Amino acid sequence: MSDCCSPPPPDDARERQARRRALLKLTDQPPPASPACCQPPSSAAANACCGGGPQRRTDWLLWISLGLFLAGVTVHLALPSAPAWLHEFGRTCYEMLARAWWGVLLGIITVAVIGRFPGELVAALLGRGGSITGLLRAVGAGVVLDMCNHGILLVGMSLYRRGASLGQTLAFLIASPWNSLSLTLILAALIGWGWMLLFIALSMLVALITGWIVDRLVAAGKIPNNPNARDLPTNYRCGPALAGVWRSLRPGKTNYLQLAREGLAGSRVVLRWILFGFVLTGAIRALLPELAFQQYFGPTTSGLLLTLVATTLLEVCSCGSSPIAADFITRAHAPGNAFVFLMAGAATDYTALVSLRQTTRSWRAALALPLITTPQVMLIGWLINHFGK
């Protein structure tokens, strides 16, 4: 450790330091700079020395995906005579923008607000990680929040960073993508209240089972624990903490601008993959038209497998997944395929997988989502096709 950070040296050490400074002065050499860890913690050098993040680099994935996405939207709006494949790519980009913008925006706002929550408050509201009560609260929060899957992903990653267990985070994500109030009403109008209520109950069951298994794997050391987890102080009260959060959201242009910056910063990792998913979905739809898939989606084992492949490749926003799921019931007469399309899309969503990997710093934690959830979804889909008609 440098002498600027060390306790006062003994007398003989002081003499050696004095001789060293005199020698440096005689040779006209500047003294070595104090190490970064002794500089103010706000400096960039301090961050590098004391474990902070690396220097900010250009986020090529974000900017390239954004450029291609905006180019697609421009093609749709300004070049109606473009080649068919390019027109389909542009139409998909525009459709994603029209259907998902509100969910993404609401997600960014929620991330900013959650960022003002102390970690202890998040832990108190969600309950103890690894417990059934905590999982039930996470599932309930996922069902209640009125967002699409892209917006809910931003919130889920923010909850993990604020201390939610991995099981709670996955349960929140699985229960959320299409179980919001607005999408529930859309689904009920398309397929009827009976199927809608059954799908909601089954999705909550899958979320609880997945969260419980993941928390058990974390407890057994098979999956890394959340380093952000908090232990609540004795006699912790939510009221004063909530009042503090409310005060931090006081009206004002400066505060709102700060909230916007915090929301964008907290959502940056997920936003890059949302844009990448939009672009990739547009490319897949341009090369593989949707009608080519629908010919093979029947109530058979092969139909279920093709549904799984399609929902994995096509990152359909939950705003658009409900009408497509309704087609499986009304046209293909395959209600199990509809459930698989809705649920497996959340379980195999590559945007969610990469976001989980970057947030948890563990591929084991990220892959737990599809590996544990998908078999349950496929089994339920098969049972619905065979016994739910």
Protein backbone atom coordinates (compact mmCIF):
# COMPACT_ATOMS: atom_id res chain seq x y z
CA MET A 1 0.00 0.00 0.00
CA SER A 2 1.22 3.48 -0.82
CA ASP A 3 2.54 5.76 1.91
CA CYS A 4 -0.40 8.14 1.34
CA CYS A 5 -2.75 5.46 2.54
CA SER A 6 -0.47 3.95 5.21
CA PRO A 7 -0.20 4.83 8.88
CA PRO A 8 2.61 7.27 9.79
CA PRO A 9 5.96 5.48 9.27
CA PRO A 10 8.57 5.22 12.01
CA ASP A 11 11.48 7.65 12.23
CA ASP A 12 13.92 5.58 10.14
CA ALA A 13 11.29 5.24 7.41
CA ARG A 14 10.75 9.02 7.43
CA GLU A 15 14.49 9.53 6.89
CA ARG A 16 14.51 7.17 3.92
CA GLN A 17 11.54 9.00 2.41
CA ALA A 18 13.27 12.35 2.86
CA ARG A 19 16.44 11.07 1.11
CA ARG A 20 14.30 9.70 -1.71
CA ARG A 21 12.50 13.02 -2.23
CA ALA A 22 15.83 14.88 -2.22
CA LEU A 23 17.22 12.50 -4.82
CA LEU A 24 14.18 13.00 -7.06
CA LYS A 25 14.52 16.77 -6.76
CA LEU A 26 18.21 16.64 -7.74
CA THR A 27 17.53 14.55 -10.84
CA ASP A 28 14.56 16.77 -11.86
CA GLN A 29 12.25 13.79 -11.94
CA PRO A 30 8.65 14.36 -10.85
CA PRO A 31 7.57 12.27 -7.90
CA PRO A 32 5.35 9.31 -8.72
CA ALA A 33 1.65 10.10 -8.70
CA SER A 34 -0.37 8.91 -5.79
CA PRO A 35 -2.11 5.67 -6.60
CA ALA A 36 -5.66 5.95 -7.81
CA CYS A 37 -7.03 4.25 -4.72
CA CYS A 38 -5.89 7.24 -2.65
CA GLN A 39 -7.63 9.74 -4.91
CA PRO A 40 -11.20 10.88 -4.32
CA PRO A 41 -13.55 7.98 -4.93
CA SER A 42 -15.39 9.93 -7.60
CA SER A 43 -12.43 9.87 -9.96
CA ALA A 44 -12.22 7.43 -12.84
CA ALA A 45 -8.84 6.22 -11.68
CA ALA A 46 -10.27 5.38 -8.30
CA ASN A 47 -12.89 3.23 -9.95
CA ALA A 48 -10.25 1.33 -11.85
CA CYS A 49 -8.04 0.82 -8.79
CA CYS A 50 -10.66 0.01 -6.22
CA GLY A 51 -12.81 -2.38 -8.15
CA GLY A 52 -15.02 0.02 -10.08
CA GLY A 53 -16.21 -0.52 -13.61
CA PRO A 54 -13.90 -0.27 -16.62
CA GLN A 55 -13.66 2.75 -18.85
CA ARG A 56 -16.86 3.22 -20.87
CA ARG A 57 -16.50 1.81 -24.35
CA THR A 58 -18.67 2.17 -27.41
CA ASP A 59 -21.66 -0.16 -27.14
CA TRP A 60 -21.55 -1.45 -30.70
CA LEU A 61 -24.45 -3.88 -30.24
CA LEU A 62 -26.70 -1.10 -28.99
CA TRP A 63 -25.85 1.42 -31.71
CA ILE A 64 -25.82 -1.05 -34.62
CA SER A 65 -29.13 -2.56 -33.52
CA LEU A 66 -30.61 0.91 -33.07
CA GLY A 67 -29.38 1.96 -36.52
CA LEU A 68 -30.83 -1.12 -38.25
CA PHE A 69 -34.07 -0.76 -36.31
CA LEU A 70 -34.51 2.90 -37.28
CA ALA A 71 -33.59 2.05 -40.87
CA GLY A 72 -36.35 -0.56 -40.91
CA VAL A 73 -38.90 1.90 -39.54
CA THR A 74 -37.80 4.44 -42.17
CA VAL A 75 -38.20 1.87 -44.96
CA HIS A 76 -41.73 1.11 -43.79
CA LEU A 77 -42.76 4.77 -43.62
CA ALA A 78 -40.89 6.24 -46.60
CA LEU A 79 -40.26 3.40 -49.08
CA PRO A 80 -43.51 1.51 -49.71
CA SER A 81 -42.12 0.22 -53.03
CA ALA A 82 -39.12 -1.49 -51.40
CA PRO A 83 -38.45 -5.17 -52.17
CA ALA A 84 -40.84 -7.58 -50.44
CA TRP A 85 -38.30 -8.92 -47.96
CA LEU A 86 -37.10 -5.42 -47.04
CA HIS A 87 -40.68 -4.19 -46.74
CA GLU A 88 -41.48 -7.09 -44.38
CA PHE A 89 -38.40 -6.27 -42.29
CA GLY A 90 -39.43 -2.62 -42.07
CA ARG A 91 -43.05 -3.50 -41.30
CA THR A 92 -41.94 -5.76 -38.44
CA CYS A 93 -39.69 -3.07 -36.96
CA TYR A 94 -42.52 -0.55 -37.13
CA GLU A 95 -44.99 -3.05 -35.64
CA MET A 96 -42.59 -3.76 -32.75
CA LEU A 97 -42.26 -0.02 -32.14
CA ALA A 98 -46.01 0.58 -32.25
CA ARG A 99 -46.83 -2.31 -29.92
CA ALA A 100 -43.97 -2.23 -27.44
CA TRP A 101 -43.01 1.43 -26.97
CA TRP A 102 -45.36 1.98 -24.04
CA GLY A 103 -44.13 -1.14 -22.24
CA VAL A 104 -40.48 -0.20 -22.71
CA LEU A 105 -41.14 3.39 -21.61
CA LEU A 106 -43.10 2.27 -18.56
CA GLY A 107 -40.31 -0.19 -17.77
CA ILE A 108 -37.68 2.56 -17.88
CA ILE A 109 -39.78 4.73 -15.58
CA THR A 110 -40.31 1.83 -13.17
CA VAL A 111 -36.58 1.06 -13.17
CA ALA A 112 -35.86 4.68 -12.21
CA VAL A 113 -38.43 4.61 -9.40
CA ILE A 114 -37.25 1.22 -8.09
CA GLY A 115 -33.71 2.62 -8.10
CA ARG A 116 -34.85 5.05 -5.39
CA PHE A 117 -36.01 2.12 -3.21
CA PRO A 118 -33.51 1.09 -0.52
CA GLY A 119 -32.49 -2.55 -0.84
CA GLU A 120 -34.01 -3.29 2.57
CA LEU A 121 -37.38 -1.95 1.41
CA VAL A 122 -37.39 -4.15 -1.71
CA ALA A 123 -36.53 -7.15 0.47
CA ALA A 124 -39.35 -6.28 2.86
CA LEU A 125 -41.94 -5.88 0.09
CA LEU A 126 -40.98 -9.06 -1.75
CA GLY A 127 -40.48 -11.13 1.37
CA ARG A 128 -37.61 -13.41 2.25
CA GLY A 129 -35.83 -14.95 -0.71
CA GLY A 130 -36.13 -18.72 -0.87
CA SER A 131 -39.51 -18.74 0.89
CA ILE A 132 -42.93 -19.63 -0.51
CA THR A 133 -44.28 -16.29 0.70
CA GLY A 134 -41.55 -14.46 -1.19
CA LEU A 135 -42.33 -16.40 -4.36
CA LEU A 136 -46.05 -15.72 -4.03
CA ARG A 137 -45.38 -12.00 -3.68
CA ALA A 138 -43.11 -12.01 -6.73
CA VAL A 139 -45.70 -13.86 -8.82
CA GLY A 140 -48.43 -11.51 -7.63
CA ALA A 141 -46.34 -8.48 -8.56
CA GLY A 142 -45.71 -9.96 -12.00
CA VAL A 143 -49.40 -10.54 -12.67
CA VAL A 144 -50.48 -7.12 -11.40
CA LEU A 145 -47.97 -4.97 -13.30
CA ASP A 146 -49.50 -3.85 -16.60
CA MET A 147 -46.51 -4.12 -18.94
CA CYS A 148 -45.43 -6.13 -21.95
CA ASN A 149 -42.58 -8.64 -21.67
CA HIS A 150 -39.97 -6.10 -22.82
CA GLY A 151 -40.95 -3.62 -20.13
CA ILE A 152 -41.24 -6.30 -17.45
CA LEU A 153 -37.72 -7.54 -18.23
CA LEU A 154 -36.31 -4.13 -17.31
CA VAL A 155 -38.15 -4.24 -13.99
CA GLY A 156 -37.10 -7.82 -13.26
CA MET A 157 -33.42 -7.05 -13.70
CA SER A 158 -33.82 -3.99 -11.49
CA LEU A 159 -35.46 -6.08 -8.75
CA TYR A 160 -32.54 -8.53 -8.85
CA ARG A 161 -30.07 -5.68 -8.49
CA ARG A 162 -32.09 -4.42 -5.51
CA GLY A 163 -31.82 -7.77 -3.73
CA ALA A 164 -34.60 -10.10 -4.97
CA SER A 165 -33.57 -13.74 -5.03
CA LEU A 166 -33.00 -15.46 -8.38
CA GLY A 167 -36.08 -17.62 -7.78
CA GLN A 168 -38.21 -14.54 -7.15
CA THR A 169 -36.80 -12.83 -10.24
CA LEU A 170 -37.57 -15.78 -12.53
CA ALA A 171 -41.02 -16.27 -11.00
CA PHE A 172 -41.70 -12.58 -11.60
CA LEU A 173 -40.61 -12.82 -15.25
CA ILE A 174 -42.53 -16.02 -16.00
CA ALA A 175 -45.78 -14.78 -14.47
CA SER A 176 -45.57 -11.37 -16.13
CA PRO A 177 -45.12 -11.33 -19.90
CA TRP A 178 -48.77 -11.58 -20.92
CA ASN A 179 -50.61 -11.60 -17.58
CA SER A 180 -51.08 -7.85 -17.39
CA LEU A 181 -54.59 -6.42 -17.13
CA SER A 182 -54.78 -5.05 -20.65
CA LEU A 183 -53.44 -8.22 -22.28
CA THR A 184 -55.67 -10.38 -20.11
CA LEU A 185 -58.70 -8.53 -21.44
CA ILE A 186 -57.45 -8.87 -25.00
CA LEU A 187 -56.90 -12.59 -24.54
CA ALA A 188 -60.30 -13.06 -22.94
CA ALA A 189 -61.97 -11.32 -25.89
CA LEU A 190 -60.12 -13.53 -28.36
CA ILE A 191 -60.34 -16.97 -26.74
CA GLY A 192 -62.95 -16.62 -24.00
CA TRP A 193 -62.74 -16.20 -20.23
CA GLY A 194 -62.49 -19.93 -19.57
CA TRP A 195 -59.28 -20.48 -21.50
CA MET A 196 -57.87 -17.17 -20.28
CA LEU A 197 -58.38 -17.99 -16.59
CA LEU A 198 -56.97 -21.48 -17.08
CA PHE A 199 -53.87 -20.11 -18.80
CA ILE A 200 -53.31 -17.57 -16.02
CA ALA A 201 -53.62 -20.22 -13.29
CA LEU A 202 -51.23 -22.57 -15.11
CA SER A 203 -48.69 -19.83 -15.79
CA MET A 204 -48.68 -18.88 -12.10
CA LEU A 205 -48.16 -22.56 -11.22
CA VAL A 206 -45.18 -22.80 -13.59
CA ALA A 207 -43.73 -19.58 -12.13
CA LEU A 208 -44.02 -20.88 -8.55
CA ILE A 209 -42.51 -24.29 -9.37
CA THR A 210 -39.63 -22.74 -11.31
CA GLY A 211 -38.89 -20.19 -8.60
CA TRP A 212 -38.98 -22.86 -5.88
CA ILE A 213 -36.60 -25.17 -7.78
CA VAL A 214 -34.19 -22.34 -8.55
CA ASP A 215 -34.10 -21.19 -4.93
CA ARG A 216 -33.36 -24.77 -3.84
CA LEU A 217 -30.50 -24.96 -6.37
CA VAL A 218 -29.13 -21.66 -5.06
CA ALA A 219 -29.32 -22.97 -1.47
CA ALA A 220 -27.45 -26.11 -2.56
CA GLY A 221 -24.69 -24.04 -4.17
CA LYS A 222 -25.47 -25.21 -7.72
CA ILE A 223 -26.33 -21.68 -8.84
CA PRO A 224 -24.65 -18.51 -7.51
CA ASN A 225 -26.53 -16.54 -4.89
CA ASN A 226 -27.56 -12.95 -5.48
CA PRO A 227 -24.72 -10.79 -4.09
CA ASN A 228 -27.21 -7.92 -3.74
CA ALA A 229 -29.37 -9.78 -1.20
CA ARG A 230 -30.11 -7.83 1.98
CA ASP A 231 -30.79 -8.94 5.54
CA LEU A 232 -33.49 -6.83 7.13
CA PRO A 233 -32.61 -5.05 10.39
CA THR A 234 -34.55 -5.98 13.48
CA ASN A 235 -37.96 -4.28 13.70
CA TYR A 236 -37.61 -2.87 10.19
CA ARG A 237 -40.59 -0.67 9.22
CA CYS A 238 -41.65 -0.06 5.62
CA GLY A 239 -43.57 3.16 6.34
CA PRO A 240 -40.63 5.53 6.89
CA ALA A 241 -38.75 4.03 3.94
CA LEU A 242 -41.75 4.45 1.63
CA ALA A 243 -42.12 8.04 2.82
CA GLY A 244 -38.47 8.64 1.94
CA VAL A 245 -38.98 7.20 -1.54
CA TRP A 246 -42.01 9.44 -2.02
CA ARG A 247 -39.98 12.50 -1.02
CA SER A 248 -37.25 11.52 -3.49
CA LEU A 249 -39.85 11.61 -6.29
CA ARG A 250 -40.81 15.21 -5.58
CA PRO A 251 -42.00 17.16 -8.65
CA GLY A 252 -39.43 19.27 -10.42
CA LYS A 253 -37.72 19.47 -13.77
CA THR A 254 -34.28 18.73 -12.33
CA ASN A 255 -35.49 15.68 -10.44
CA TYR A 256 -37.42 14.35 -13.43
CA LEU A 257 -34.35 14.72 -15.65
CA GLN A 258 -32.30 12.88 -13.06
CA LEU A 259 -34.92 10.12 -12.94
CA ALA A 260 -34.79 9.86 -16.73
CA ARG A 261 -31.00 9.51 -16.65
CA GLU A 262 -31.19 6.87 -13.92
CA GLY A 263 -33.87 4.92 -15.77
CA LEU A 264 -31.94 4.92 -19.04
CA ALA A 265 -28.69 3.97 -17.30
CA GLY A 266 -30.35 1.13 -15.42
CA SER A 267 -32.08 -0.13 -18.57
CA ARG A 268 -29.13 0.13 -20.94
CA VAL A 269 -28.10 -3.53 -20.72
CA VAL A 270 -31.62 -4.74 -21.51
CA LEU A 271 -32.39 -2.08 -24.12
CA ARG A 272 -29.55 -3.21 -26.34
CA TRP A 273 -30.95 -6.75 -26.41
CA ILE A 274 -34.52 -5.57 -26.93
CA LEU A 275 -33.39 -3.67 -30.03
CA PHE A 276 -31.33 -6.64 -31.18
CA GLY A 277 -34.36 -8.88 -30.70
CA PHE A 278 -36.53 -6.53 -32.75
CA VAL A 279 -34.02 -6.54 -35.60
CA LEU A 280 -33.56 -10.31 -35.49
CA THR A 281 -37.31 -10.89 -35.44
CA GLY A 282 -37.68 -8.65 -38.47
CA ALA A 283 -34.99 -10.59 -40.31
CA ILE A 284 -36.60 -13.95 -39.49
CA ARG A 285 -40.04 -12.78 -40.56
CA ALA A 286 -38.60 -11.39 -43.77
CA LEU A 287 -37.01 -14.74 -44.63
CA LEU A 288 -39.62 -17.09 -43.10
CA PRO A 289 -43.17 -15.74 -43.51
CA GLU A 290 -45.57 -16.36 -40.66
CA LEU A 291 -48.00 -18.30 -42.84
CA ALA A 292 -45.34 -20.93 -43.50
CA PHE A 293 -45.30 -21.68 -39.76
CA GLN A 294 -49.04 -21.78 -39.27
CA GLN A 295 -49.47 -24.68 -41.73
CA TYR A 296 -47.75 -27.04 -39.31
CA PHE A 297 -49.15 -25.91 -35.95
CA GLY A 298 -51.62 -28.66 -35.15
CA PRO A 299 -52.51 -30.38 -31.84
CA THR A 300 -49.78 -32.99 -32.24
CA THR A 301 -46.41 -33.63 -30.67
CA SER A 302 -44.68 -32.35 -33.80
CA GLY A 303 -46.95 -29.30 -33.73
CA LEU A 304 -45.95 -28.57 -30.15
CA LEU A 305 -42.28 -28.92 -31.03
CA LEU A 306 -42.65 -26.61 -34.02
CA THR A 307 -44.49 -24.14 -31.81
CA LEU A 308 -41.57 -24.23 -29.38
CA VAL A 309 -39.12 -23.62 -32.23
CA ALA A 310 -41.20 -20.77 -33.62
CA THR A 311 -41.72 -18.97 -30.32
CA THR A 312 -37.99 -19.34 -29.59
CA LEU A 313 -36.94 -17.85 -32.92
CA LEU A 314 -39.65 -15.20 -33.18
CA GLU A 315 -39.29 -12.80 -30.26
CA VAL A 316 -42.90 -11.69 -30.37
CA CYS A 317 -43.82 -8.94 -27.96
CA SER A 318 -46.59 -9.97 -25.60
CA CYS A 319 -48.74 -7.29 -27.21
CA GLY A 320 -48.66 -9.38 -30.39
CA SER A 321 -48.47 -12.86 -28.86
CA SER A 322 -52.10 -12.92 -27.69
CA PRO A 323 -53.65 -12.62 -31.20
CA ILE A 324 -51.27 -15.27 -32.54
CA ALA A 325 -52.04 -17.56 -29.60
CA ALA A 326 -55.75 -17.09 -30.33
CA ASP A 327 -55.16 -18.38 -33.87
CA PHE A 328 -53.87 -21.65 -32.45
CA ILE A 329 -57.23 -22.15 -30.71
CA THR A 330 -59.65 -20.81 -33.31
CA ARG A 331 -57.90 -21.96 -36.50
CA ALA A 332 -55.54 -24.81 -35.59
CA HIS A 333 -57.79 -26.13 -32.77
CA ALA A 334 -54.67 -26.59 -30.65
CA PRO A 335 -55.15 -24.83 -27.29
CA GLY A 336 -52.03 -26.50 -25.91
CA ASN A 337 -49.99 -24.92 -28.67
CA ALA A 338 -51.40 -21.54 -27.66
CA PHE A 339 -50.21 -22.05 -24.08
CA VAL A 340 -46.78 -23.17 -25.27
CA PHE A 341 -46.52 -20.16 -27.58
CA LEU A 342 -47.33 -17.77 -24.73
CA MET A 343 -45.19 -19.39 -22.05
CA ALA A 344 -42.23 -20.84 -23.95
CA GLY A 345 -41.67 -17.46 -25.50
CA ALA A 346 -40.94 -16.15 -22.02
CA ALA A 347 -38.83 -19.17 -21.09
CA THR A 348 -36.63 -19.19 -24.21
CA ASP A 349 -36.50 -15.45 -24.92
CA TYR A 350 -32.88 -14.77 -25.87
CA THR A 351 -33.22 -11.16 -24.76
CA ALA A 352 -34.14 -12.39 -21.28
CA LEU A 353 -31.33 -14.98 -21.28
CA VAL A 354 -28.61 -12.52 -22.23
CA SER A 355 -29.98 -9.89 -19.84
CA LEU A 356 -29.99 -12.45 -17.00
CA ARG A 357 -26.43 -13.47 -17.89
CA GLN A 358 -25.18 -9.89 -17.77
CA THR A 359 -27.12 -9.04 -14.62
CA THR A 360 -26.26 -12.19 -12.62
CA ARG A 361 -22.82 -12.73 -14.18
CA SER A 362 -23.65 -16.43 -14.46
CA TRP A 363 -24.74 -18.57 -17.40
CA ARG A 364 -26.00 -21.18 -14.95
CA ALA A 365 -28.40 -18.64 -13.49
CA ALA A 366 -29.54 -17.52 -16.96
CA LEU A 367 -30.01 -21.03 -18.38
CA ALA A 368 -32.06 -22.07 -15.36
CA LEU A 369 -34.96 -20.16 -16.94
CA PRO A 370 -35.39 -22.30 -20.10
CA LEU A 371 -34.06 -25.58 -18.68
CA ILE A 372 -36.50 -25.66 -15.76
CA THR A 373 -39.49 -23.88 -17.30
CA THR A 374 -39.67 -25.35 -20.82
CA PRO A 375 -40.29 -29.02 -19.81
CA GLN A 376 -43.18 -27.93 -17.58
CA VAL A 377 -44.68 -25.82 -20.36
CA MET A 378 -44.40 -28.60 -22.95
CA LEU A 379 -45.98 -31.15 -20.61
CA ILE A 380 -48.88 -28.82 -19.80
CA GLY A 381 -49.36 -28.01 -23.49
CA TRP A 382 -49.53 -31.72 -24.34
CA LEU A 383 -52.05 -32.36 -21.55
CA ILE A 384 -54.23 -29.45 -22.71
CA ASN A 385 -54.28 -30.73 -26.31
CA HIS A 386 -55.26 -34.23 -25.24
CA PHE A 387 -57.62 -33.60 -22.35
CA GLY A 388 -58.71 -29.97 -22.62
CA LYS A 389 -60.79 -30.04 -25.77
